[in-house]
Amino acid sequence: MSSENDAARAVTVDRRSGPYGEVVLRRRGAHHEIIANGVFLMDTSDGRSERLLIRAAAKALDPAATAPAVLVGGLGVGFSLAEAAADPRWGRITVVEREPAVIEWHTGSAPEARTTDPGAGAATENHLAYLSGAALADPRVELVEADLLDHLATAPHRYDAVCLDIDNGPDWTVTESNDGLYAPAGLAACRDRLTPGGVLAVWSARPSPAFEAALRSAGFTDVRTEEIPVPRGVPDAVHLAVRPPDTAP
């Protein structure tokens, strides 16, 4: 007979060592968790802030924009993608994820299991497809395996909204190489990939006045932060900023 303690016990589903360190998928009761380099990143128990990331960006757009294109940086557990696909207003929806394991947990696309954990399931299973499967089948959605900064530098088109859920946000990155995204050069790359009047939305594990200042220094306007209360600790946050209509190039 199961108990509350059994439901709360974390079970490793898959464990990988990759180019950006170790990434682990765990199941805790009915929910899944993603752990990167030993640090908790996200789980499937809530999703309010990840969904707000997309809704707030859409609300900040010009209402007259027709079929706006959105870039979702980071697939995660799939909440942001699902929210974008649920909104018929969006035109092109591009999701960029650099970690192969995360993509495989949604699509089951790995050729073989690559885990040595005795309690882990097959790495090729699409463990998170219950959250993302319908969205990934949407013809508007393109899933790109790439580093986000590389994609921003090479994408053949611009976006009306760029929504970032990378690591734990600008003030607390688990993977050192993610720091560059929130540095001046990374913010400039986001700004330049936006259409004039386009919106940058950035998820953060806590509000960051310093990041607001960095957005203004990078040439964004209408900078503001929406906070999402959590049961314990500081609130999650979504930072919003707009590329001015007259910004070159």
Protein backbone atom coordinates (compact mmCIF):
# COMPACT_ATOMS: atom_id res chain seq x y z
CA MET A 1 0.00 0.00 0.00
CA SER A 2 1.41 3.40 -0.95
CA SER A 3 1.70 6.22 1.55
CA GLU A 4 2.26 9.98 1.44
CA ASN A 5 5.96 9.34 2.05
CA ASP A 6 6.07 6.95 -0.91
CA ALA A 7 4.41 9.60 -3.12
CA ALA A 8 6.97 12.19 -2.06
CA ARG A 9 10.01 9.97 -2.66
CA ALA A 10 12.02 11.02 -5.74
CA VAL A 11 12.74 8.25 -8.25
CA THR A 12 15.40 8.74 -10.92
CA VAL A 13 13.93 8.28 -14.39
CA ASP A 14 17.01 9.21 -16.43
CA ARG A 15 20.49 10.56 -15.73
CA ARG A 16 22.88 11.97 -18.36
CA SER A 17 26.35 13.49 -18.49
CA GLY A 18 26.55 15.82 -21.44
CA PRO A 19 28.38 18.84 -22.82
CA TYR A 20 26.84 21.15 -20.20
CA GLY A 21 27.19 18.86 -17.19
CA GLU A 22 24.85 16.36 -15.58
CA VAL A 23 21.10 16.51 -16.13
CA VAL A 24 18.61 14.30 -14.30
CA LEU A 25 14.91 13.64 -14.74
CA ARG A 26 13.18 12.50 -11.53
CA ARG A 27 9.63 11.49 -10.75
CA ARG A 28 8.10 12.49 -7.43
CA GLY A 29 4.58 11.12 -7.07
CA ALA A 30 2.60 12.29 -10.09
CA HIS A 31 5.14 14.96 -11.06
CA HIS A 32 8.53 15.18 -12.78
CA GLU A 33 11.57 17.28 -11.85
CA ILE A 34 14.60 18.40 -13.86
CA ILE A 35 17.89 18.69 -11.96
CA ALA A 36 20.98 20.24 -13.60
CA ASN A 37 24.44 19.85 -12.10
CA GLY A 38 22.85 18.88 -8.80
CA VAL A 39 20.57 21.93 -8.61
CA PHE A 40 16.77 21.82 -8.94
CA LEU A 41 15.58 23.71 -12.03
CA MET A 42 11.86 23.06 -12.45
CA ASP A 43 9.05 20.57 -11.99
CA THR A 44 5.59 19.86 -13.34
CA SER A 45 3.67 20.68 -10.15
CA ASP A 46 2.65 24.24 -11.00
CA GLY A 47 3.66 26.06 -14.19
CA ARG A 48 1.97 29.40 -13.45
CA SER A 49 5.09 31.49 -13.96
CA GLU A 50 6.17 29.61 -17.10
CA ARG A 51 2.74 30.16 -18.63
CA LEU A 52 2.72 33.81 -17.56
CA LEU A 53 5.98 34.23 -19.47
CA ILE A 54 4.06 33.68 -22.71
CA ARG A 55 0.81 35.41 -21.74
CA ALA A 56 2.57 38.56 -20.55
CA ALA A 57 4.58 38.79 -23.77
CA ALA A 58 1.44 38.40 -25.86
CA LYS A 59 -0.36 41.06 -23.83
CA ALA A 60 2.52 43.51 -24.29
CA LEU A 61 2.45 43.21 -28.09
CA ASP A 62 0.67 45.66 -30.34
CA PRO A 63 -2.93 44.34 -30.54
CA ALA A 64 -2.84 45.01 -34.28
CA ALA A 65 0.06 42.59 -34.85
CA THR A 66 -1.03 39.82 -37.21
CA ALA A 67 0.18 36.26 -36.54
CA PRO A 68 3.17 37.37 -34.44
CA ALA A 69 6.17 35.07 -34.29
CA VAL A 70 7.46 33.95 -30.90
CA LEU A 71 10.76 32.39 -29.90
CA VAL A 72 10.66 30.28 -26.73
CA GLY A 73 14.14 29.87 -25.31
CA GLY A 74 14.25 26.65 -23.30
CA LEU A 75 11.85 23.71 -23.61
CA GLY A 76 12.00 22.74 -19.93
CA VAL A 77 9.03 20.65 -18.87
CA GLY A 78 6.92 22.15 -21.66
CA PHE A 79 4.63 24.62 -19.90
CA SER A 80 5.69 27.68 -21.94
CA LEU A 81 5.43 25.83 -25.23
CA ALA A 82 1.99 24.48 -24.32
CA GLU A 83 0.81 27.98 -23.40
CA ALA A 84 2.02 29.40 -26.72
CA ALA A 85 0.39 26.64 -28.76
CA ALA A 86 -2.90 27.12 -26.89
CA ASP A 87 -3.11 30.71 -28.17
CA PRO A 88 -4.35 30.88 -31.79
CA ARG A 89 -3.01 34.41 -32.13
CA TRP A 90 0.59 33.27 -32.48
CA GLY A 91 1.86 32.54 -35.96
CA ARG A 92 5.29 30.86 -36.01
CA ILE A 93 6.32 29.30 -32.67
CA THR A 94 10.01 28.38 -32.46
CA VAL A 95 11.35 26.51 -29.43
CA VAL A 96 15.12 26.40 -28.97
CA GLU A 97 16.62 23.81 -26.59
CA ARG A 98 20.31 22.89 -26.49
CA GLU A 99 20.16 19.89 -24.13
CA PRO A 100 19.50 16.68 -26.14
CA ALA A 101 18.21 14.83 -23.06
CA VAL A 102 15.44 17.38 -22.50
CA ILE A 103 14.32 17.06 -26.11
CA GLU A 104 14.32 13.28 -25.84
CA TRP A 105 12.21 13.38 -22.67
CA HIS A 106 9.56 15.14 -24.74
CA THR A 107 9.93 13.33 -28.06
CA GLY A 108 11.53 9.96 -27.32
CA SER A 109 13.95 10.56 -30.18
CA ALA A 110 17.11 9.00 -28.72
CA PRO A 111 18.40 5.90 -30.57
CA GLU A 112 19.21 4.07 -27.34
CA ALA A 113 19.17 4.42 -23.57
CA ARG A 114 22.24 6.11 -22.10
CA THR A 115 21.79 5.76 -18.35
CA THR A 116 23.60 3.59 -15.84
CA ASP A 117 21.20 4.26 -12.96
CA PRO A 118 19.67 0.85 -12.00
CA GLY A 119 16.31 2.43 -11.17
CA ALA A 120 16.04 4.53 -14.29
CA GLY A 121 13.67 3.95 -17.17
CA ALA A 122 14.61 3.91 -20.86
CA ALA A 123 16.04 7.24 -21.96
CA THR A 124 14.13 7.01 -25.24
CA GLU A 125 10.75 7.32 -23.53
CA ASN A 126 8.88 10.59 -24.01
CA HIS A 127 8.27 11.02 -20.29
CA LEU A 128 7.12 14.65 -20.62
CA ALA A 129 4.96 14.28 -23.72
CA TYR A 130 1.81 14.48 -21.61
CA LEU A 131 2.59 18.19 -21.26
CA SER A 132 4.07 18.97 -24.68
CA GLY A 133 2.82 16.34 -27.12
CA ALA A 134 -0.15 18.27 -28.49
CA ALA A 135 1.91 21.45 -28.82
CA LEU A 136 4.77 19.71 -30.63
CA ALA A 137 2.24 18.32 -33.12
CA ASP A 138 0.99 21.85 -33.88
CA PRO A 139 2.05 22.82 -37.43
CA ARG A 140 3.07 26.29 -36.19
CA VAL A 141 5.71 24.79 -33.88
CA GLU A 142 9.35 24.25 -34.81
CA LEU A 143 11.68 22.57 -32.29
CA VAL A 144 15.34 23.52 -32.76
CA GLU A 145 18.24 21.81 -30.98
CA ALA A 146 20.79 24.61 -30.62
CA ASP A 147 22.43 26.99 -28.20
CA LEU A 148 20.17 30.01 -27.97
CA LEU A 149 22.90 32.59 -28.62
CA ASP A 150 23.94 30.66 -31.74
CA HIS A 151 20.34 30.63 -32.93
CA LEU A 152 19.93 34.35 -32.30
CA ALA A 153 23.02 35.00 -34.40
CA THR A 154 21.98 32.81 -37.33
CA ALA A 155 18.17 32.69 -37.48
CA PRO A 156 16.90 33.80 -40.90
CA HIS A 157 14.03 35.85 -39.50
CA ARG A 158 13.09 38.08 -36.60
CA TYR A 159 10.57 37.50 -33.84
CA ASP A 160 7.82 39.67 -32.40
CA ALA A 161 8.44 38.15 -28.98
CA VAL A 162 11.41 36.38 -27.41
CA CYS A 163 10.51 34.48 -24.23
CA LEU A 164 13.42 33.11 -22.23
CA ASP A 165 13.26 30.42 -19.56
CA ILE A 166 16.93 29.55 -19.39
CA ASP A 167 18.51 28.15 -16.23
CA ASN A 168 17.25 29.84 -13.03
CA GLY A 169 17.27 33.32 -14.54
CA PRO A 170 19.77 36.18 -14.76
CA ASP A 171 20.93 36.22 -11.13
CA TRP A 172 21.47 32.50 -10.54
CA THR A 173 22.74 30.35 -13.40
CA VAL A 174 23.52 26.72 -12.70
CA THR A 175 25.49 26.29 -15.94
CA GLU A 176 28.27 28.87 -16.27
CA SER A 177 27.95 29.18 -20.05
CA ASN A 178 24.40 30.51 -19.62
CA ASP A 179 25.74 33.72 -18.06
CA GLY A 180 26.44 35.17 -21.48
CA LEU A 181 22.77 35.27 -22.38
CA TYR A 182 22.08 37.80 -19.63
CA ALA A 183 25.25 39.83 -20.23
CA PRO A 184 25.18 43.00 -22.37
CA ALA A 185 26.14 41.13 -25.55
CA GLY A 186 23.42 38.51 -24.98
CA LEU A 187 20.75 41.12 -24.35
CA ALA A 188 21.87 42.98 -27.47
CA ALA A 189 21.48 39.76 -29.46
CA CYS A 190 17.93 39.37 -28.14
CA ARG A 191 17.12 42.98 -28.95
CA ASP A 192 18.47 42.74 -32.49
CA ARG A 193 16.52 39.56 -33.21
CA LEU A 194 13.26 41.29 -32.26
CA THR A 195 11.12 43.24 -34.66
CA PRO A 196 10.78 46.96 -33.80
CA GLY A 197 8.27 47.16 -30.96
CA GLY A 198 8.91 43.48 -30.15
CA VAL A 199 8.82 42.15 -26.59
CA LEU A 200 11.50 40.39 -24.56
CA ALA A 201 10.15 38.33 -21.62
CA VAL A 202 12.60 36.68 -19.21
CA TRP A 203 11.69 34.18 -16.48
CA SER A 204 13.62 34.47 -13.22
CA ALA A 205 13.64 32.53 -9.97
CA ARG A 206 13.50 35.88 -8.17
CA PRO A 207 12.91 39.54 -9.06
CA SER A 208 16.09 41.36 -10.07
CA PRO A 209 16.32 45.18 -10.00
CA ALA A 210 19.86 44.82 -11.36
CA PHE A 211 18.55 42.95 -14.39
CA GLU A 212 15.93 45.63 -14.98
CA ALA A 213 18.78 48.15 -15.09
CA ALA A 214 20.69 45.91 -17.50
CA LEU A 215 17.67 45.78 -19.83
CA ARG A 216 17.47 49.57 -19.90
CA SER A 217 21.20 49.81 -20.56
CA ALA A 218 20.77 47.39 -23.48
CA GLY A 219 18.36 49.83 -25.14
CA PHE A 220 15.01 48.36 -24.07
CA THR A 221 12.09 50.51 -22.95
CA ASP A 222 8.91 49.86 -20.95
CA VAL A 223 10.89 47.65 -18.57
CA ARG A 224 8.78 46.14 -15.80
CA THR A 225 8.50 43.00 -13.68
CA GLU A 226 5.55 40.77 -12.85
CA GLU A 227 5.88 38.66 -9.69
CA ILE A 228 4.31 35.26 -9.06
CA PRO A 229 3.97 34.25 -5.38
CA VAL A 230 5.25 30.80 -4.42
CA PRO A 231 4.42 28.75 -1.29
CA ARG A 232 7.86 29.35 0.25
CA GLY A 233 10.58 31.91 -0.36
CA VAL A 234 10.84 34.83 -2.77
CA PRO A 235 8.40 35.03 -5.68
CA ASP A 236 9.18 33.93 -9.23
CA ALA A 237 9.35 36.80 -11.70
CA VAL A 238 8.84 37.61 -15.37
CA HIS A 239 10.87 40.59 -16.59
CA LEU A 240 9.39 42.39 -19.60
CA ALA A 241 11.02 44.87 -21.97
CA VAL A 242 10.30 46.33 -25.41
CA ARG A 243 12.57 47.06 -28.34
CA PRO A 244 11.81 50.64 -29.33
CA PRO A 245 10.06 50.99 -32.71
CA ASP A 246 12.83 53.18 -34.09
CA THR A 247 15.77 51.01 -33.01
CA ALA A 248 18.24 50.12 -35.77
CA PRO A 249 19.04 47.94 -37.58
